[in-house]
Amino acid sequence: METEVNYLKRVDEYFDNIPQYKILEWSKVYGLVDVMKMIPIARQWLRDNTNKRKTRIGAYVNNWLKNQQIKMEAASTPSEGNRGAAGGLMEIARGKQ
């Protein structure tokens, strides 16, 4: 089993080496999310919650950003009957596409 010290090293190594193209991809896919603001928050969550260690950090970050996008869409949705274009990932997440 991975020690806490090794896990924290792996987390730091991942976040210290995120390629610029990945940040650009995330910014395009999750357009409502300030990716550069969310990355340090996701990193800190992983560091503070070593009892909930993630084996696939990249997948975790992607899910973190996806969930932030869904929250932003929900906040910008005017009403249930008049979603407009804001429903995107919310509809997919709810299985209503």
Protein backbone atom coordinates (compact mmCIF):
# COMPACT_ATOMS: atom_id res chain seq x y z
CA MET A 1 0.00 0.00 0.00
CA GLU A 2 1.21 3.48 -0.84
CA THR A 3 2.44 5.53 2.12
CA GLU A 4 0.99 8.96 2.79
CA VAL A 5 4.33 10.59 1.99
CA ASN A 6 4.53 8.81 -1.38
CA TYR A 7 0.92 9.68 -2.14
CA LEU A 8 1.53 13.38 -1.43
CA LYS A 9 4.63 13.28 -3.64
CA ARG A 10 2.57 11.73 -6.43
CA VAL A 11 -0.15 14.40 -6.04
CA ASP A 12 2.42 17.20 -6.12
CA GLU A 13 4.21 15.69 -9.10
CA TYR A 14 0.96 15.46 -11.05
CA PHE A 15 -0.05 19.07 -10.36
CA ASP A 16 3.44 20.45 -10.88
CA ASN A 17 3.56 18.88 -14.34
CA ILE A 18 0.14 19.52 -15.87
CA PRO A 19 0.85 20.35 -19.52
CA GLN A 20 -0.46 23.64 -20.88
CA TYR A 21 -2.45 21.82 -23.57
CA LYS A 22 -4.39 19.99 -20.84
CA ILE A 23 -5.32 23.26 -19.16
CA LEU A 24 -6.47 24.62 -22.52
CA GLU A 25 -8.54 21.48 -23.17
CA TRP A 26 -10.21 21.71 -19.77
CA SER A 27 -10.87 25.43 -20.31
CA LYS A 28 -12.64 24.70 -23.60
CA VAL A 29 -14.68 21.77 -22.31
CA TYR A 30 -15.60 23.42 -19.01
CA GLY A 31 -16.08 26.95 -20.29
CA LEU A 32 -17.91 28.26 -17.24
CA VAL A 33 -15.14 27.13 -14.88
CA ASP A 34 -12.05 29.16 -14.02
CA VAL A 35 -9.72 26.18 -14.48
CA MET A 36 -6.64 28.00 -13.20
CA LYS A 37 -8.52 28.82 -9.98
CA MET A 38 -9.93 25.31 -9.53
CA ILE A 39 -6.68 23.36 -10.05
CA PRO A 40 -5.07 24.49 -6.76
CA ILE A 41 -8.36 23.85 -4.93
CA ALA A 42 -8.52 20.28 -6.27
CA ARG A 43 -4.88 19.78 -5.33
CA GLN A 44 -5.43 20.96 -1.79
CA TRP A 45 -8.46 18.72 -1.40
CA LEU A 46 -6.32 15.72 -2.34
CA ARG A 47 -3.60 16.78 0.09
CA ASP A 48 -6.08 17.35 2.93
CA ASN A 49 -8.00 14.11 2.38
CA THR A 50 -5.31 11.44 2.25
CA ASN A 51 -7.77 9.01 3.79
CA LYS A 52 -9.67 9.23 0.46
CA ARG A 53 -6.68 8.64 -1.80
CA LYS A 54 -7.23 8.68 -5.53
CA THR A 55 -5.31 6.26 -7.73
CA ARG A 56 -6.13 8.11 -10.95
CA ILE A 57 -5.47 11.77 -10.16
CA GLY A 58 -6.10 12.96 -13.73
CA ALA A 59 -9.55 11.38 -13.78
CA TYR A 60 -10.27 12.93 -10.37
CA VAL A 61 -9.33 16.42 -11.62
CA ASN A 62 -11.48 15.98 -14.72
CA ASN A 63 -14.45 14.95 -12.56
CA TRP A 64 -13.80 17.86 -10.19
CA LEU A 65 -13.96 20.29 -13.12
CA LYS A 66 -17.04 18.57 -14.58
CA ASN A 67 -18.84 18.94 -11.24
CA GLN A 68 -17.87 22.61 -11.06
CA GLN A 69 -19.27 23.10 -14.59
CA ILE A 70 -22.54 21.46 -13.57
CA LYS A 71 -22.78 23.75 -10.53
CA MET A 72 -22.13 26.82 -12.69
CA GLU A 73 -24.75 25.72 -15.22
CA ALA A 74 -27.27 25.18 -12.45
CA ALA A 75 -26.57 28.64 -11.08
CA SER A 76 -27.04 30.21 -14.51
CA THR A 77 -30.20 28.26 -15.42
CA PRO A 78 -33.17 30.67 -15.31
CA SER A 79 -35.86 28.08 -14.54
CA GLU A 80 -36.87 24.47 -15.09
CA GLY A 81 -39.06 25.32 -18.09
CA ASN A 82 -36.73 27.83 -19.73
CA ARG A 83 -33.21 26.43 -19.70
CA GLY A 84 -31.98 27.88 -22.95
CA ALA A 85 -28.49 26.78 -23.89
CA ALA A 86 -27.28 26.51 -20.30
CA GLY A 87 -28.60 22.99 -19.71
CA GLY A 88 -25.71 21.11 -21.42
CA LEU A 89 -23.91 18.99 -18.84
CA MET A 90 -26.77 19.31 -16.36
CA GLU A 91 -29.07 17.48 -18.76
CA ILE A 92 -26.48 14.80 -19.45
CA ALA A 93 -25.82 14.36 -15.72
CA ARG A 94 -29.52 13.98 -15.08
CA GLY A 95 -29.91 11.56 -17.99
CA LYS A 96 -32.39 13.84 -19.77
CA GLN A 97 -30.54 14.46 -23.01
